[in-house]
Structures are given as C-alpha cells and as structure tokens.
Amino acid sequence: MAKKKTKEQLEALKGLEGVKLAQRTPDRVAHRRADLVRRRSVLSTSNPLVETMDDGSTEVEFTLRCESGTYVKETVHGDGGRTQPSVAALIRARCEVLWLDVADIHAD
C-alpha cells in the first residue's frame, strides 16, 4: 500500500473519534431483535497499526472505545450500510473483523 493511502486510512480512523453512530439492528441478530436505529457514540480511537501483508492485502489494528451497546463488528464493516458511518465507509474499502478483544469495561 502506498504511504499516502496508509496516512489517509489512519486519519480516517482518527476521524471516527467522537462520532455519533446510527446503527440499525444488524442482520446477524435481526431474527431476535426489533429493527431499530440505535444511536451510539465512539468515544475514542487509538493505537492504530497498518500492515501490508505479503499477498498485498492490508490489515489494520486499532483500539476503539465506544458507548455501551455499540455493535462493534458492524462499526468496522458497516453491515451493508446499516451502520453509518463505519470504518469501511471512512477508508473506502471492504473491511472484515478478523478478531475482536474486549480489553476493558469502563464504569464512567
């Protein structure tokens, strides 16, 4: 990946900080939850790391702190437009979650 593209992607991730998401009920849980639009906040993004793999694909790792009830996977891949904005929309690329770790739960 070109350095310019990497810089744009890192700036886009930083741009997610403080954003109020509009999340419709994800397809993966639609069979058991009402199809509502939920508003959730992204409190911070940090520790971004972008790596270009041997096959030319790109992997991005970052820390996301968000409001309770946020559909985190959908915040990354966008769920076919059901979460706006999403990381995928901001960096203008298809994204998938390879792994998700809950690092901490804050009481504030």
Protein backbone atom coordinates (compact mmCIF):
# COMPACT_ATOMS: atom_id res chain seq x y z
CA MET A 1 0.00 0.00 0.00
CA ALA A 2 1.24 3.46 -0.78
CA LYS A 3 2.24 5.60 2.19
CA LYS A 4 -0.29 8.24 1.13
CA LYS A 5 -3.11 5.69 1.29
CA THR A 6 -1.93 4.47 4.71
CA LYS A 7 -1.87 8.04 6.02
CA GLU A 8 -5.40 8.65 4.71
CA GLN A 9 -6.65 5.48 6.39
CA LEU A 10 -5.06 6.42 9.72
CA GLU A 11 -6.59 9.90 9.52
CA ALA A 12 -10.00 8.37 8.70
CA LEU A 13 -9.78 6.14 11.79
CA LYS A 14 -8.95 9.18 13.91
CA GLY A 15 -11.96 10.92 12.35
CA LEU A 16 -14.26 8.31 13.86
CA GLU A 17 -13.46 9.64 17.33
CA GLY A 18 -16.40 11.49 18.85
CA VAL A 19 -18.81 10.44 16.12
CA LYS A 20 -22.40 9.50 16.89
CA LEU A 21 -23.19 6.28 15.02
CA ALA A 22 -26.58 5.37 13.62
CA GLN A 23 -26.84 1.58 13.84
CA ARG A 24 -29.78 -0.40 12.58
CA THR A 25 -30.20 -3.82 14.11
CA PRO A 26 -27.51 -5.99 12.50
CA ASP A 27 -28.52 -8.70 10.07
CA ARG A 28 -26.85 -11.30 12.30
CA VAL A 29 -29.28 -10.59 15.18
CA ALA A 30 -32.34 -9.33 13.25
CA HIS A 31 -34.22 -12.58 13.87
CA ARG A 32 -34.27 -11.93 17.63
CA ARG A 33 -34.27 -8.12 17.97
CA ALA A 34 -36.51 -5.35 16.69
CA ASP A 35 -35.21 -3.49 13.65
CA LEU A 36 -34.47 -0.14 15.29
CA VAL A 37 -31.94 2.60 14.73
CA ARG A 38 -29.72 2.88 17.77
CA ARG A 39 -27.52 5.93 18.33
CA ARG A 40 -24.19 5.15 19.95
CA SER A 41 -21.03 7.22 20.41
CA VAL A 42 -17.44 6.38 19.57
CA LEU A 43 -15.53 7.85 22.49
CA SER A 44 -12.00 7.35 21.18
CA THR A 45 -9.78 5.54 18.73
CA SER A 46 -6.14 4.86 19.48
CA ASN A 47 -3.07 2.76 18.77
CA PRO A 48 -3.60 2.38 15.02
CA LEU A 49 -1.30 -0.01 13.21
CA VAL A 50 -1.46 -0.63 9.45
CA GLU A 51 0.41 -3.57 7.94
CA THR A 52 0.70 -4.63 4.33
CA MET A 53 0.77 -8.40 4.12
CA ASP A 54 2.88 -10.50 1.70
CA ASP A 55 -0.17 -11.08 -0.52
CA GLY A 56 -0.73 -7.31 -0.86
CA SER A 57 -3.72 -7.16 1.48
CA THR A 58 -3.82 -4.68 4.32
CA GLU A 59 -4.52 -5.36 7.99
CA VAL A 60 -5.43 -2.59 10.39
CA GLU A 61 -5.41 -2.95 14.16
CA PHE A 62 -6.67 -0.25 16.50
CA THR A 63 -8.32 0.31 19.85
CA LEU A 64 -11.89 1.55 19.85
CA ARG A 65 -13.62 2.84 22.97
CA CYS A 66 -17.33 3.18 22.48
CA GLU A 67 -20.59 3.56 24.30
CA SER A 68 -22.24 0.53 25.86
CA GLY A 69 -24.47 -1.28 23.41
CA THR A 70 -22.44 -0.40 20.31
CA TYR A 71 -22.31 -3.12 17.68
CA VAL A 72 -18.53 -3.10 17.29
CA LYS A 73 -18.16 -5.51 14.37
CA GLU A 74 -20.73 -3.53 12.42
CA THR A 75 -18.87 -0.32 13.27
CA VAL A 76 -15.95 -1.80 11.35
CA HIS A 77 -17.58 -3.43 8.30
CA GLY A 78 -20.75 -1.33 8.07
CA ASP A 79 -23.19 -4.26 7.79
CA GLY A 80 -24.19 -3.38 4.24
CA GLY A 81 -24.85 0.25 5.12
CA ARG A 82 -26.82 -0.49 8.29
CA THR A 83 -24.17 1.30 10.41
CA GLN A 84 -23.25 4.85 9.44
CA PRO A 85 -20.54 5.90 9.47
CA SER A 86 -18.35 2.81 9.57
CA VAL A 87 -14.62 2.23 9.26
CA ALA A 88 -15.23 0.66 5.84
CA ALA A 89 -17.09 3.77 4.65
CA LEU A 90 -14.45 6.13 6.04
CA ILE A 91 -11.48 4.38 4.43
CA ARG A 92 -13.47 3.45 1.32
CA ALA A 93 -12.53 -0.22 1.45
CA ARG A 94 -14.18 -3.53 2.26
CA CYS A 95 -13.41 -4.49 5.85
CA GLU A 96 -13.89 -7.60 7.92
CA VAL A 97 -13.22 -8.26 11.58
CA LEU A 98 -10.53 -10.90 11.97
CA TRP A 99 -10.59 -10.78 15.76
CA LEU A 100 -12.18 -8.73 18.49
CA ASP A 101 -10.88 -8.45 22.04
CA VAL A 102 -12.74 -6.69 24.82
CA ALA A 103 -9.85 -5.10 26.66
CA ASP A 104 -11.75 -3.26 29.40
CA ILE A 105 -15.20 -2.29 30.58
CA HIS A 106 -15.39 1.22 32.00
CA ALA A 107 -17.93 2.32 34.59
CA ASP A 108 -17.79 6.01 33.67
